[in-house]
């Protein structure tokens, strides 16, 4: 192992330890920004998680109106964050540090961005894991959602139903329960699942760390935990 690879391995190990410590807390106390930057640090060894959090602090400090509408308009109208419709499958869309730099991402990373900026300005923004398309909800007003991928478009329940139909080809099967907020652990599980099934996950070495992080999350079912453990064993057997 050369010095560069050794440094990368140490950086990943440090990011793994911090991820484990972060997600071991109760879901209500999990810092989504820290955990998301720890995920990114596995793909981008050497990034400074605390420095990335400071970038979010700086971004949030520029929000002129500390309301759900104010955060929505600030991020997606003024700051220009938007969904990457040109290359949705680009793995960089799944890494929060790249989203901050490029100002583009996929629904879940843009949602985490809004959740974390909202938290910094004292606004309750909740993640909503609608099948096929992640959204956020105004925690202070029932029946109000936002679609960060599509320019922060605001949605009521009928708008969410239409969005579901645009993703799945039909609104059949839509249930209002799909719009219930999800926990921080569930957000992170979905981020990692996206990576596992994406371009980067086709590389066995990359898939290994994704599954290791995923397996550290509390609340996984036995079948899911066994799948992840099997994937990790397979990678280790191939490369050891």
Protein backbone atom coordinates (compact mmCIF):
# COMPACT_ATOMS: atom_id res chain seq x y z
CA UNK A 1 0.00 0.00 0.00
CA UNK A 2 1.48 3.38 -1.00
CA UNK A 3 1.38 6.48 1.19
CA UNK A 4 -1.54 8.02 -0.70
CA UNK A 5 -3.70 4.94 -0.38
CA UNK A 6 -2.75 4.64 3.30
CA UNK A 7 -3.88 8.23 3.92
CA UNK A 8 -7.15 7.57 2.13
CA UNK A 9 -7.79 4.49 4.22
CA UNK A 10 -7.15 6.41 7.45
CA UNK A 11 -9.49 9.18 6.31
CA UNK A 12 -12.23 6.65 5.55
CA UNK A 13 -11.73 4.95 8.91
CA UNK A 14 -12.07 8.29 10.70
CA UNK A 15 -15.22 9.09 8.70
CA UNK A 16 -16.63 5.64 9.51
CA UNK A 17 -16.06 6.11 13.24
CA UNK A 18 -17.73 9.50 13.20
CA UNK A 19 -20.66 8.16 11.16
CA UNK A 20 -21.13 5.32 13.64
CA UNK A 21 -21.05 7.73 16.59
CA UNK A 22 -23.51 10.07 14.89
CA UNK A 23 -26.13 7.48 13.95
CA UNK A 24 -25.93 5.71 17.32
CA UNK A 25 -27.87 8.61 18.84
CA UNK A 26 -31.67 8.64 19.00
CA UNK A 27 -33.10 9.58 15.61
CA UNK A 28 -34.26 12.99 16.86
CA UNK A 29 -30.67 13.84 17.85
CA UNK A 30 -28.93 12.66 14.69
CA UNK A 31 -27.15 15.43 12.79
CA UNK A 32 -28.07 14.72 9.18
CA UNK A 33 -25.41 17.10 7.90
CA UNK A 34 -22.61 15.37 9.81
CA UNK A 35 -23.77 11.89 8.75
CA UNK A 36 -24.20 12.96 5.11
CA UNK A 37 -20.75 14.54 4.99
CA UNK A 38 -19.30 11.35 6.53
CA UNK A 39 -20.86 9.39 3.67
CA UNK A 40 -19.30 11.84 1.21
CA UNK A 41 -15.92 11.48 2.93
CA UNK A 42 -15.80 7.83 1.86
CA UNK A 43 -16.00 8.85 -1.79
CA UNK A 44 -13.94 12.01 -1.31
CA UNK A 45 -11.27 11.00 1.22
CA UNK A 46 -9.77 13.95 3.02
CA UNK A 47 -12.75 16.30 3.06
CA UNK A 48 -13.15 18.07 6.38
CA UNK A 49 -16.59 17.27 7.79
CA UNK A 50 -16.50 20.22 10.19
CA UNK A 51 -15.44 22.60 7.43
CA UNK A 52 -18.34 21.34 5.30
CA UNK A 53 -20.73 21.98 8.19
CA UNK A 54 -19.29 25.50 8.45
CA UNK A 55 -20.16 26.01 4.77
CA UNK A 56 -23.76 25.17 5.66
CA UNK A 57 -23.58 27.61 8.56
CA UNK A 58 -22.46 30.33 6.16
CA UNK A 59 -25.18 29.47 3.66
CA UNK A 60 -27.86 29.55 6.36
CA UNK A 61 -26.58 32.88 7.68
CA UNK A 62 -27.58 34.46 4.37
CA UNK A 63 -31.23 33.41 4.65
CA UNK A 64 -33.16 36.69 5.04
CA UNK A 65 -36.45 35.25 6.33
CA UNK A 66 -36.52 32.46 8.93
CA UNK A 67 -39.70 30.74 7.76
CA UNK A 68 -40.38 27.64 5.69
CA UNK A 69 -41.27 29.85 2.73
CA UNK A 70 -38.22 32.00 3.36
CA UNK A 71 -35.83 29.03 3.35
CA UNK A 72 -37.51 27.57 0.28
CA UNK A 73 -37.28 30.79 -1.70
CA UNK A 74 -33.73 31.51 -0.52
CA UNK A 75 -32.30 28.14 -1.53
CA UNK A 76 -34.16 27.42 -4.75
CA UNK A 77 -34.87 30.88 -6.12
CA UNK A 78 -32.14 33.15 -4.79
CA UNK A 79 -29.23 30.71 -4.33
CA UNK A 80 -30.10 28.66 -7.41
CA UNK A 81 -30.07 25.13 -6.03
CA UNK A 82 -31.86 22.79 -8.42
CA UNK A 83 -32.27 19.17 -9.43
CA UNK A 84 -29.79 17.65 -11.84
CA UNK A 85 -32.16 16.62 -14.58
CA UNK A 86 -29.36 16.39 -17.17
CA UNK A 87 -27.46 13.63 -15.36
CA UNK A 88 -29.62 12.34 -12.55
CA UNK A 89 -27.47 9.22 -12.13
CA UNK A 90 -24.22 11.13 -11.54
CA UNK A 91 -22.95 9.84 -8.16
CA UNK A 92 -21.88 13.36 -7.19
CA UNK A 93 -25.56 14.24 -6.87
CA UNK A 94 -25.63 11.98 -3.80
CA UNK A 95 -22.80 13.70 -1.92
CA UNK A 96 -23.74 16.76 0.10
CA UNK A 97 -20.34 18.45 -0.30
CA UNK A 98 -20.71 18.27 -4.09
CA UNK A 99 -24.29 19.55 -3.88
CA UNK A 100 -23.04 22.60 -1.99
CA UNK A 101 -20.33 23.25 -4.58
CA UNK A 102 -22.30 22.50 -7.75
CA UNK A 103 -25.71 23.67 -6.47
CA UNK A 104 -27.39 20.68 -8.01
CA UNK A 105 -28.37 17.23 -6.76
CA UNK A 106 -31.12 14.66 -6.45
CA UNK A 107 -34.30 15.01 -4.38
CA UNK A 108 -32.93 13.52 -1.18
CA UNK A 109 -29.69 15.51 -0.99
CA UNK A 110 -31.48 18.75 -1.84
CA UNK A 111 -34.02 17.87 0.86
CA UNK A 112 -31.24 17.28 3.41
CA UNK A 113 -29.84 20.67 2.42
CA UNK A 114 -33.19 22.36 3.16
CA UNK A 115 -33.65 20.40 6.40
CA UNK A 116 -30.23 21.47 7.65
CA UNK A 117 -30.51 25.10 6.60
CA UNK A 118 -33.95 25.14 8.21
CA UNK A 119 -32.53 23.71 11.44
CA UNK A 120 -29.89 26.42 11.52
CA UNK A 121 -32.46 29.21 11.26
CA UNK A 122 -34.88 27.57 13.71
CA UNK A 123 -37.39 26.12 11.23
CA UNK A 124 -38.82 22.61 11.42
CA UNK A 125 -38.33 21.07 7.97
CA UNK A 126 -39.11 17.35 7.81
CA UNK A 127 -38.03 14.76 5.27
CA UNK A 128 -40.78 12.86 3.45
CA UNK A 129 -39.86 9.58 1.80
CA UNK A 130 -42.56 9.35 -0.84
CA UNK A 131 -41.80 6.31 -3.02
CA UNK A 132 -39.78 7.38 -6.03
CA UNK A 133 -39.33 11.02 -5.05
CA UNK A 134 -38.15 12.57 -1.80
CA UNK A 135 -39.88 15.73 -0.52
CA UNK A 136 -39.86 17.97 2.52
CA UNK A 137 -42.74 19.07 4.74
CA UNK A 138 -43.37 22.23 6.69
CA UNK A 139 -43.37 20.99 10.28
CA UNK A 140 -45.46 23.93 11.44
CA UNK A 141 -48.28 23.77 8.89
CA UNK A 142 -50.26 20.65 8.05
CA UNK A 143 -50.69 19.83 4.38
CA UNK A 144 -47.76 21.82 3.02
CA UNK A 145 -44.91 20.17 1.16
CA UNK A 146 -42.02 21.30 -1.04
CA UNK A 147 -40.25 19.58 -3.94
CA UNK A 148 -36.58 20.63 -3.76
CA UNK A 149 -35.70 18.83 -6.99
CA UNK A 150 -38.12 20.89 -9.06
CA UNK A 151 -36.99 24.33 -7.99
CA UNK A 152 -38.54 24.15 -4.54
CA UNK A 153 -42.07 23.91 -5.96
CA UNK A 154 -44.73 24.00 -3.25
CA UNK A 155 -47.26 21.17 -3.18
CA UNK A 156 -50.53 20.38 -1.47
CA UNK A 157 -51.74 16.79 -1.28
CA UNK A 158 -53.13 16.90 -4.82
CA UNK A 159 -49.81 18.23 -6.08
CA UNK A 160 -48.04 15.35 -4.33
CA UNK A 161 -50.48 12.90 -5.90
CA UNK A 162 -49.73 14.34 -9.34
CA UNK A 163 -45.99 14.14 -8.67
CA UNK A 164 -46.38 10.49 -7.65
CA UNK A 165 -48.22 9.84 -10.93
CA UNK A 166 -45.46 11.55 -12.93
CA UNK A 167 -42.89 9.22 -11.37
CA UNK A 168 -44.87 5.98 -11.45
CA UNK A 169 -46.95 6.52 -14.57
CA UNK A 170 -50.22 6.53 -12.65
CA UNK A 171 -51.60 7.80 -9.39
CA UNK A 172 -52.95 4.32 -8.67
CA UNK A 173 -51.40 3.06 -5.49
CA UNK A 174 -50.88 6.53 -4.04
CA UNK A 175 -51.66 6.76 -0.33
CA UNK A 176 -51.59 9.85 1.89
CA UNK A 177 -49.45 7.80 4.29
CA UNK A 178 -46.61 8.15 1.77
CA UNK A 179 -46.39 11.81 2.85
CA UNK A 180 -45.65 11.09 6.50
CA UNK A 181 -42.29 12.41 7.76
CA UNK A 182 -39.46 9.90 8.09
CA UNK A 183 -36.72 9.69 10.69
CA UNK A 184 -33.12 10.74 10.20
CA UNK A 185 -32.11 7.08 10.18
CA UNK A 186 -34.58 6.41 7.37
CA UNK A 187 -33.24 9.37 5.38
CA UNK A 188 -29.69 8.02 5.65
CA UNK A 189 -30.80 4.50 4.75
CA UNK A 190 -32.41 5.82 1.59
CA UNK A 191 -29.31 7.86 0.69
CA UNK A 192 -27.16 4.76 1.00
CA UNK A 193 -29.64 2.56 -0.87
CA UNK A 194 -29.54 5.05 -3.75
CA UNK A 195 -25.75 4.82 -3.83
CA UNK A 196 -25.75 1.01 -3.62
CA UNK A 197 -28.02 0.78 -6.66
CA UNK A 198 -26.31 3.55 -8.61
CA UNK A 199 -23.25 3.82 -10.83
CA UNK A 200 -20.75 3.95 -8.01
CA UNK A 201 -22.22 0.87 -6.38
CA UNK A 202 -21.19 -1.18 -9.41
CA UNK A 203 -17.62 -0.94 -8.13
CA UNK A 204 -17.25 -3.68 -5.47
CA UNK A 205 -14.84 -1.62 -3.37
CA UNK A 206 -17.23 1.33 -3.31
CA UNK A 207 -20.20 -0.96 -2.64
CA UNK A 208 -18.37 -2.38 0.37
CA UNK A 209 -18.18 0.89 2.30
CA UNK A 210 -21.75 1.79 1.37
CA UNK A 211 -23.05 -1.47 2.82
CA UNK A 212 -20.86 -1.12 5.92
CA UNK A 213 -22.27 2.33 6.64
CA UNK A 214 -25.80 1.14 5.91
CA UNK A 215 -25.43 -1.77 8.32
CA UNK A 216 -24.50 0.66 11.12
CA UNK A 217 -27.98 2.21 11.06
CA UNK A 218 -30.38 1.20 13.85
CA UNK A 219 -33.76 -0.26 13.09
CA UNK A 220 -32.90 -2.39 10.05
CA UNK A 221 -34.90 -5.55 9.54
CA UNK A 222 -33.22 -8.93 9.75
CA UNK A 223 -33.48 -9.54 6.00
CA UNK A 224 -31.93 -6.19 5.16
CA UNK A 225 -29.15 -6.59 7.70
CA UNK A 226 -28.36 -10.07 6.35
CA UNK A 227 -28.24 -8.71 2.78
CA UNK A 228 -25.82 -5.97 3.77
CA UNK A 229 -23.61 -8.36 5.75
CA UNK A 230 -23.48 -10.72 2.79
CA UNK A 231 -22.47 -7.92 0.45
CA UNK A 232 -19.68 -6.83 2.80
CA UNK A 233 -18.40 -10.42 3.15
CA UNK A 234 -18.40 -10.82 -0.61
CA UNK A 235 -16.32 -7.67 -1.10
CA UNK A 236 -13.84 -8.65 1.59
CA UNK A 237 -13.44 -12.14 0.16
CA UNK A 238 -12.76 -10.71 -3.27
CA UNK A 239 -10.14 -8.21 -2.19
CA UNK A 240 -8.44 -9.83 0.81
